[in-house]
Amino acid sequence: GAETLMGWAADITRTFPVSGKFSSTQRDIYDVVLA
């Protein structure tokens, strides 16, 4: 996350597959977290 010159913050997390494609098990868990 970035912080502005005046000190205000953002905070983001993403999780993504290195190959560009989720495995079936990764996709199953990912969809639970997204839900």
All heavy atoms as atom14 arrays in JSON, in Angstrom:
{
  "sequence": "GAETLMGWAADITRTFPVSGKFSSTQRDIYDVVLA",
  "atom14_mask": [
    [1, 1, 1, 1, 0, 0, 0, 0, 0, 0, 0, 0, 0, 0],
    [1, 1, 1, 1, 1, 0, 0, 0, 0, 0, 0, 0, 0, 0],
    [1, 1, 1, 1, 1, 1, 1, 1, 1, 0, 0, 0, 0, 0],
    [1, 1, 1, 1, 1, 1, 1, 0, 0, 0, 0, 0, 0, 0],
    [1, 1, 1, 1, 1, 1, 1, 1, 0, 0, 0, 0, 0, 0],
    [1, 1, 1, 1, 1, 1, 1, 1, 0, 0, 0, 0, 0, 0],
    [1, 1, 1, 1, 0, 0, 0, 0, 0, 0, 0, 0, 0, 0],
    [1, 1, 1, 1, 1, 1, 1, 1, 1, 1, 1, 1, 1, 1],
    [1, 1, 1, 1, 1, 0, 0, 0, 0, 0, 0, 0, 0, 0],
    [1, 1, 1, 1, 1, 0, 0, 0, 0, 0, 0, 0, 0, 0],
    [1, 1, 1, 1, 1, 1, 1, 1, 0, 0, 0, 0, 0, 0],
    [1, 1, 1, 1, 1, 1, 1, 1, 0, 0, 0, 0, 0, 0],
    [1, 1, 1, 1, 1, 1, 1, 0, 0, 0, 0, 0, 0, 0],
    [1, 1, 1, 1, 1, 1, 1, 1, 1, 1, 1, 0, 0, 0],
    [1, 1, 1, 1, 1, 1, 1, 0, 0, 0, 0, 0, 0, 0],
    [1, 1, 1, 1, 1, 1, 1, 1, 1, 1, 1, 0, 0, 0],
    [1, 1, 1, 1, 1, 1, 1, 0, 0, 0, 0, 0, 0, 0],
    [1, 1, 1, 1, 1, 1, 1, 0, 0, 0, 0, 0, 0, 0],
    [1, 1, 1, 1, 1, 1, 0, 0, 0, 0, 0, 0, 0, 0],
    [1, 1, 1, 1, 0, 0, 0, 0, 0, 0, 0, 0, 0, 0],
    [1, 1, 1, 1, 1, 1, 1, 1, 1, 0, 0, 0, 0, 0],
    [1, 1, 1, 1, 1, 1, 1, 1, 1, 1, 1, 0, 0, 0],
    [1, 1, 1, 1, 1, 1, 0, 0, 0, 0, 0, 0, 0, 0],
    [1, 1, 1, 1, 1, 1, 0, 0, 0, 0, 0, 0, 0, 0],
    [1, 1, 1, 1, 1, 1, 1, 0, 0, 0, 0, 0, 0, 0],
    [1, 1, 1, 1, 1, 1, 1, 1, 1, 0, 0, 0, 0, 0],
    [1, 1, 1, 1, 1, 1, 1, 1, 1, 1, 1, 0, 0, 0],
    [1, 1, 1, 1, 1, 1, 1, 1, 0, 0, 0, 0, 0, 0],
    [1, 1, 1, 1, 1, 1, 1, 1, 0, 0, 0, 0, 0, 0],
    [1, 1, 1, 1, 1, 1, 1, 1, 1, 1, 1, 1, 0, 0],
    [1, 1, 1, 1, 1, 1, 1, 1, 0, 0, 0, 0, 0, 0],
    [1, 1, 1, 1, 1, 1, 1, 0, 0, 0, 0, 0, 0, 0],
    [1, 1, 1, 1, 1, 1, 1, 0, 0, 0, 0, 0, 0, 0],
    [1, 1, 1, 1, 1, 1, 1, 1, 0, 0, 0, 0, 0, 0],
    [1, 1, 1, 1, 1, 0, 0, 0, 0, 0, 0, 0, 0, 0]
  ],
  "atom14_positions": [
    [[0.81, -1.21, 0.0], [0.0, 0.0, 0.0], [0.84, 1.25, 0.0], [1.94, 1.28, 0.56], [0.0, 0.0, 0.0], [0.0, 0.0, 0.0], [0.0, 0.0, 0.0], [0.0, 0.0, 0.0], [0.0, 0.0, 0.0], [0.0, 0.0, 0.0], [0.0, 0.0, 0.0], [0.0, 0.0, 0.0], [0.0, 0.0, 0.0], [0.0, 0.0, 0.0]],
    [[0.33, 2.3, -0.61], [1.02, 3.59, -0.71], [0.61, 4.51, 0.42], [-0.47, 4.36, 1.02], [0.73, 4.24, -2.05], [0.0, 0.0, 0.0], [0.0, 0.0, 0.0], [0.0, 0.0, 0.0], [0.0, 0.0, 0.0], [0.0, 0.0, 0.0], [0.0, 0.0, 0.0], [0.0, 0.0, 0.0], [0.0, 0.0, 0.0], [0.0, 0.0, 0.0]],
    [[1.47, 5.48, 0.7], [1.17, 6.54, 1.66], [1.47, 7.87, 1.01], [2.53, 8.06, 0.41], [2.03, 6.37, 2.92], [1.8, 7.44, 3.98], [2.65, 7.22, 5.21], [2.3, 6.34, 6.01], [3.66, 7.92, 5.39], [0.0, 0.0, 0.0], [0.0, 0.0, 0.0], [0.0, 0.0, 0.0], [0.0, 0.0, 0.0], [0.0, 0.0, 0.0]],
    [[0.55, 8.83, 1.13], [0.74, 10.14, 0.52], [1.79, 10.95, 1.28], [2.18, 10.61, 2.39], [-0.58, 10.94, 0.5], [-0.93, 11.29, 1.85], [-1.7, 10.13, -0.14], [0.0, 0.0, 0.0], [0.0, 0.0, 0.0], [0.0, 0.0, 0.0], [0.0, 0.0, 0.0], [0.0, 0.0, 0.0], [0.0, 0.0, 0.0], [0.0, 0.0, 0.0]],
    [[2.18, 12.07, 0.7], [3.16, 12.94, 1.35], [2.65, 13.44, 2.7], [3.44, 13.71, 3.6], [3.48, 14.14, 0.45], [4.3, 13.85, -0.81], [4.4, 15.11, -1.66], [5.67, 13.32, -0.46], [0.0, 0.0, 0.0], [0.0, 0.0, 0.0], [0.0, 0.0, 0.0], [0.0, 0.0, 0.0], [0.0, 0.0, 0.0], [0.0, 0.0, 0.0]],
    [[1.33, 13.57, 2.82], [0.74, 14.04, 4.07], [0.49, 12.91, 5.07], [-0.06, 13.14, 6.14], [-0.56, 14.79, 3.79], [-0.39, 16.01, 2.92], [0.71, 17.24, 3.68], [0.5, 18.62, 2.53], [0.0, 0.0, 0.0], [0.0, 0.0, 0.0], [0.0, 0.0, 0.0], [0.0, 0.0, 0.0], [0.0, 0.0, 0.0], [0.0, 0.0, 0.0]],
    [[0.84, 11.68, 4.69], [0.81, 10.58, 5.65], [-0.38, 9.66, 5.59], [-0.49, 8.74, 6.41], [0.0, 0.0, 0.0], [0.0, 0.0, 0.0], [0.0, 0.0, 0.0], [0.0, 0.0, 0.0], [0.0, 0.0, 0.0], [0.0, 0.0, 0.0], [0.0, 0.0, 0.0], [0.0, 0.0, 0.0], [0.0, 0.0, 0.0], [0.0, 0.0, 0.0]],
    [[-1.29, 9.83, 4.63], [-2.5, 9.02, 4.57], [-2.25, 7.75, 3.77], [-1.6, 7.77, 2.73], [-3.65, 9.83, 3.98], [-3.98, 11.01, 4.85], [-3.42, 12.25, 4.8], [-4.91, 11.04, 5.93], [-3.95, 13.06, 5.76], [-4.88, 12.35, 6.48], [-5.79, 10.11, 6.48], [-5.67, 12.73, 7.55], [-6.58, 10.49, 7.55], [-6.53, 11.79, 8.07]],
    [[-2.82, 6.64, 4.24], [-2.42, 5.32, 3.75], [-3.53, 4.6, 2.99], [-4.72, 4.88, 3.15], [-2.0, 4.44, 4.95], [0.0, 0.0, 0.0], [0.0, 0.0, 0.0], [0.0, 0.0, 0.0], [0.0, 0.0, 0.0], [0.0, 0.0, 0.0], [0.0, 0.0, 0.0], [0.0, 0.0, 0.0], [0.0, 0.0, 0.0], [0.0, 0.0, 0.0]],
    [[-3.09, 3.64, 2.18], [-3.96, 2.63, 1.58], [-3.37, 1.27, 1.92], [-2.21, 1.16, 2.33], [-4.07, 2.81, 0.08], [0.0, 0.0, 0.0], [0.0, 0.0, 0.0], [0.0, 0.0, 0.0], [0.0, 0.0, 0.0], [0.0, 0.0, 0.0], [0.0, 0.0, 0.0], [0.0, 0.0, 0.0], [0.0, 0.0, 0.0], [0.0, 0.0, 0.0]],
    [[-4.17, 0.22, 1.73], [-3.75, -1.12, 2.13], [-4.5, -2.13, 1.27], [-5.71, -2.29, 1.43], [-4.06, -1.33, 3.62], [-3.52, -2.63, 4.18], [-2.82, -3.35, 3.45], [-3.8, -2.92, 5.36], [0.0, 0.0, 0.0], [0.0, 0.0, 0.0], [0.0, 0.0, 0.0], [0.0, 0.0, 0.0], [0.0, 0.0, 0.0], [0.0, 0.0, 0.0]],
    [[-3.8, -2.79, 0.36], [-4.44, -3.73, -0.57], [-3.67, -5.04, -0.55], [-2.44, -5.05, -0.53], [-4.45, -3.19, -2.01], [-5.13, -1.82, -2.09], [-5.14, -4.17, -2.95], [-5.1, -1.2, -3.48], [0.0, 0.0, 0.0], [0.0, 0.0, 0.0], [0.0, 0.0, 0.0], [0.0, 0.0, 0.0], [0.0, 0.0, 0.0], [0.0, 0.0, 0.0]],
    [[-4.4, -6.14, -0.61], [-3.78, -7.45, -0.81], [-4.48, -8.17, -1.95], [-5.7, -8.18, -2.03], [-3.87, -8.33, 0.45], [-3.34, -7.62, 1.57], [-3.08, -9.62, 0.27], [0.0, 0.0, 0.0], [0.0, 0.0, 0.0], [0.0, 0.0, 0.0], [0.0, 0.0, 0.0], [0.0, 0.0, 0.0], [0.0, 0.0, 0.0], [0.0, 0.0, 0.0]],
    [[-3.67, -8.75, -2.82], [-4.16, -9.66, -3.83], [-3.28, -10.92, -3.81], [-2.07, -10.85, -3.48], [-4.12, -9.05, -5.22], [-5.12, -7.93, -5.43], [-6.55, -8.44, -5.4], [-7.52, -7.39, -5.71], [-8.1, -6.63, -4.8], [-7.8, -6.78, -3.51], [-8.99, -5.72, -5.15], [0.0, 0.0, 0.0], [0.0, 0.0, 0.0], [0.0, 0.0, 0.0]],
    [[-3.87, -12.03, -4.15], [-3.14, -13.29, -4.25], [-3.39, -13.84, -5.65], [-4.55, -13.96, -6.07], [-3.63, -14.29, -3.2], [-3.61, -13.66, -1.9], [-2.74, -15.53, -3.18], [0.0, 0.0, 0.0], [0.0, 0.0, 0.0], [0.0, 0.0, 0.0], [0.0, 0.0, 0.0], [0.0, 0.0, 0.0], [0.0, 0.0, 0.0], [0.0, 0.0, 0.0]],
    [[-2.32, -14.15, -6.36], [-2.47, -14.56, -7.75], [-1.48, -15.67, -8.1], [-0.43, -15.81, -7.45], [-2.31, -13.36, -8.69], [-1.17, -12.45, -8.37], [0.09, -12.66, -8.91], [-1.37, -11.36, -7.53], [1.14, -11.8, -8.62], [-0.32, -10.49, -7.23], [0.95, -10.71, -7.79], [0.0, 0.0, 0.0], [0.0, 0.0, 0.0], [0.0, 0.0, 0.0]],
    [[-1.79, -16.46, -9.12], [-0.94, -17.59, -9.49], [0.27, -17.12, -10.31], [0.12, -16.33, -11.25], [-1.86, -18.47, -10.32], [-2.86, -17.53, -10.91], [-3.04, -16.42, -9.91], [0.0, 0.0, 0.0], [0.0, 0.0, 0.0], [0.0, 0.0, 0.0], [0.0, 0.0, 0.0], [0.0, 0.0, 0.0], [0.0, 0.0, 0.0], [0.0, 0.0, 0.0]],
    [[1.44, -17.61, -9.95], [2.65, -17.24, -10.67], [2.55, -17.62, -12.14], [3.01, -16.91, -13.03], [3.89, -17.92, -10.02], [5.12, -17.8, -10.9], [4.14, -17.32, -8.64], [0.0, 0.0, 0.0], [0.0, 0.0, 0.0], [0.0, 0.0, 0.0], [0.0, 0.0, 0.0], [0.0, 0.0, 0.0], [0.0, 0.0, 0.0], [0.0, 0.0, 0.0]],
    [[1.9, -18.74, -12.42], [1.76, -19.21, -13.8], [0.71, -18.45, -14.59], [0.62, -18.57, -15.81], [1.39, -20.69, -13.8], [0.09, -20.88, -13.25], [0.0, 0.0, 0.0], [0.0, 0.0, 0.0], [0.0, 0.0, 0.0], [0.0, 0.0, 0.0], [0.0, 0.0, 0.0], [0.0, 0.0, 0.0], [0.0, 0.0, 0.0], [0.0, 0.0, 0.0]],
    [[-0.12, -17.65, -13.89], [-1.22, -16.97, -14.55], [-2.52, -17.75, -14.52], [-3.56, -17.24, -14.96], [0.0, 0.0, 0.0], [0.0, 0.0, 0.0], [0.0, 0.0, 0.0], [0.0, 0.0, 0.0], [0.0, 0.0, 0.0], [0.0, 0.0, 0.0], [0.0, 0.0, 0.0], [0.0, 0.0, 0.0], [0.0, 0.0, 0.0], [0.0, 0.0, 0.0]],
    [[-2.5, -18.94, -13.97], [-3.69, -19.78, -13.93], [-3.76, -20.49, -12.58], [-2.83, -21.17, -12.18], [-3.64, -20.81, -15.06], [-4.89, -21.68, -15.18], [-6.06, -20.91, -15.78], [-7.25, -21.85, -16.02], [-8.43, -21.1, -16.56], [0.0, 0.0, 0.0], [0.0, 0.0, 0.0], [0.0, 0.0, 0.0], [0.0, 0.0, 0.0], [0.0, 0.0, 0.0]],
    [[-4.89, -20.32, -11.88], [-5.1, -21.03, -10.62], [-5.27, -22.52, -10.89], [-5.93, -22.92, -11.86], [-6.37, -20.53, -9.91], [-6.28, -19.14, -9.35], [-6.78, -18.05, -10.06], [-5.73, -18.92, -8.1], [-6.73, -16.77, -9.54], [-5.66, -17.65, -7.56], [-6.15, -16.56, -8.28], [0.0, 0.0, 0.0], [0.0, 0.0, 0.0], [0.0, 0.0, 0.0]],
    [[-4.7, -23.35, -10.02], [-5.04, -24.77, -10.07], [-6.47, -24.95, -9.56], [-7.05, -24.02, -8.98], [-4.07, -25.58, -9.2], [-4.32, -25.33, -7.82], [0.0, 0.0, 0.0], [0.0, 0.0, 0.0], [0.0, 0.0, 0.0], [0.0, 0.0, 0.0], [0.0, 0.0, 0.0], [0.0, 0.0, 0.0], [0.0, 0.0, 0.0], [0.0, 0.0, 0.0]],
    [[-7.04, -26.12, -9.76], [-8.42, -26.34, -9.32], [-8.55, -26.2, -7.81], [-9.54, -25.64, -7.3], [-8.9, -27.72, -9.77], [-8.1, -28.75, -9.21], [0.0, 0.0, 0.0], [0.0, 0.0, 0.0], [0.0, 0.0, 0.0], [0.0, 0.0, 0.0], [0.0, 0.0, 0.0], [0.0, 0.0, 0.0], [0.0, 0.0, 0.0], [0.0, 0.0, 0.0]],
    [[-7.58, -26.7, -7.07], [-7.65, -26.59, -5.61], [-7.44, -25.14, -5.16], [-8.1, -24.66, -4.23], [-6.61, -27.51, -4.95], [-5.34, -27.33, -5.61], [-7.03, -28.96, -5.06], [0.0, 0.0, 0.0], [0.0, 0.0, 0.0], [0.0, 0.0, 0.0], [0.0, 0.0, 0.0], [0.0, 0.0, 0.0], [0.0, 0.0, 0.0], [0.0, 0.0, 0.0]],
    [[-6.52, -24.43, -5.81], [-6.31, -23.02, -5.48], [-7.56, -22.21, -5.78], [-7.96, -21.35, -4.98], [-5.12, -22.48, -6.27], [-3.78, -23.03, -5.83], [-2.65, -22.69, -6.8], [-2.9, -22.25, -7.93], [-1.41, -22.91, -6.37], [0.0, 0.0, 0.0], [0.0, 0.0, 0.0], [0.0, 0.0, 0.0], [0.0, 0.0, 0.0], [0.0, 0.0, 0.0]],
    [[-8.18, -22.49, -6.89], [-9.4, -21.76, -7.25], [-10.53, -22.04, -6.26], [-11.29, -21.14, -5.87], [-9.84, -22.16, -8.66], [-11.17, -21.54, -9.14], [-11.07, -20.02, -9.23], [-12.36, -19.44, -9.58], [-12.76, -19.2, -10.84], [-11.98, -19.51, -11.87], [-13.93, -18.66, -11.07], [0.0, 0.0, 0.0], [0.0, 0.0, 0.0], [0.0, 0.0, 0.0]],
    [[-10.65, -23.28, -5.81], [-11.68, -23.62, -4.83], [-11.54, -22.8, -3.55], [-12.5, -22.23, -3.04], [-11.63, -25.11, -4.49], [-12.2, -25.99, -5.59], [-12.92, -25.47, -6.46], [-11.91, -27.2, -5.58], [0.0, 0.0, 0.0], [0.0, 0.0, 0.0], [0.0, 0.0, 0.0], [0.0, 0.0, 0.0], [0.0, 0.0, 0.0], [0.0, 0.0, 0.0]],
    [[-10.31, -22.76, -3.02], [-10.08, -22.0, -1.78], [-10.22, -20.5, -2.04], [-10.81, -19.77, -1.23], [-8.69, -22.32, -1.19], [-8.59, -23.79, -0.81], [-8.42, -21.43, 0.02], [-9.48, -24.22, 0.33], [0.0, 0.0, 0.0], [0.0, 0.0, 0.0], [0.0, 0.0, 0.0], [0.0, 0.0, 0.0], [0.0, 0.0, 0.0], [0.0, 0.0, 0.0]],
    [[-9.7, -20.04, -3.16], [-9.78, -18.62, -3.49], [-11.23, -18.15, -3.52], [-11.57, -17.08, -2.97], [-9.12, -18.34, -4.84], [-8.98, -16.87, -5.15], [-7.83, -16.16, -4.81], [-10.03, -16.16, -5.75], [-7.71, -14.81, -5.07], [-9.92, -14.8, -6.01], [-8.77, -14.14, -5.67], [-8.65, -12.79, -5.91], [0.0, 0.0, 0.0], [0.0, 0.0, 0.0]],
    [[-12.09, -18.93, -4.12], [-13.5, -18.54, -4.22], [-14.18, -18.51, -2.85], [-15.11, -17.71, -2.63], [-14.23, -19.48, -5.16], [-13.89, -19.22, -6.63], [-13.29, -18.17, -6.93], [-14.21, -20.08, -7.49], [0.0, 0.0, 0.0], [0.0, 0.0, 0.0], [0.0, 0.0, 0.0], [0.0, 0.0, 0.0], [0.0, 0.0, 0.0], [0.0, 0.0, 0.0]],
    [[-13.76, -19.36, -1.93], [-14.29, -19.32, -0.58], [-13.9, -17.99, 0.1], [-14.73, -17.32, 0.72], [-13.79, -20.52, 0.26], [-14.13, -20.33, 1.74], [-14.38, -21.81, -0.26], [0.0, 0.0, 0.0], [0.0, 0.0, 0.0], [0.0, 0.0, 0.0], [0.0, 0.0, 0.0], [0.0, 0.0, 0.0], [0.0, 0.0, 0.0], [0.0, 0.0, 0.0]],
    [[-12.63, -17.63, -0.04], [-12.16, -16.37, 0.57], [-12.86, -15.18, -0.06], [-13.28, -14.24, 0.63], [-10.63, -16.26, 0.43], [-10.14, -14.91, 0.96], [-9.94, -17.39, 1.18], [0.0, 0.0, 0.0], [0.0, 0.0, 0.0], [0.0, 0.0, 0.0], [0.0, 0.0, 0.0], [0.0, 0.0, 0.0], [0.0, 0.0, 0.0], [0.0, 0.0, 0.0]],
    [[-13.01, -15.2, -1.39], [-13.68, -14.09, -2.07], [-15.15, -13.98, -1.66], [-15.68, -12.87, -1.51], [-13.56, -14.26, -3.59], [-14.16, -13.12, -4.43], [-13.45, -11.81, -4.13], [-14.07, -13.45, -5.92], [0.0, 0.0, 0.0], [0.0, 0.0, 0.0], [0.0, 0.0, 0.0], [0.0, 0.0, 0.0], [0.0, 0.0, 0.0], [0.0, 0.0, 0.0]],
    [[-15.79, -15.12, -1.46], [-17.18, -15.09, -1.01], [-17.3, -14.43, 0.35], [-18.23, -13.64, 0.61], [-17.73, -16.52, -0.96], [0.0, 0.0, 0.0], [0.0, 0.0, 0.0], [0.0, 0.0, 0.0], [0.0, 0.0, 0.0], [0.0, 0.0, 0.0], [0.0, 0.0, 0.0], [0.0, 0.0, 0.0], [0.0, 0.0, 0.0], [0.0, 0.0, 0.0]]
  ]
}
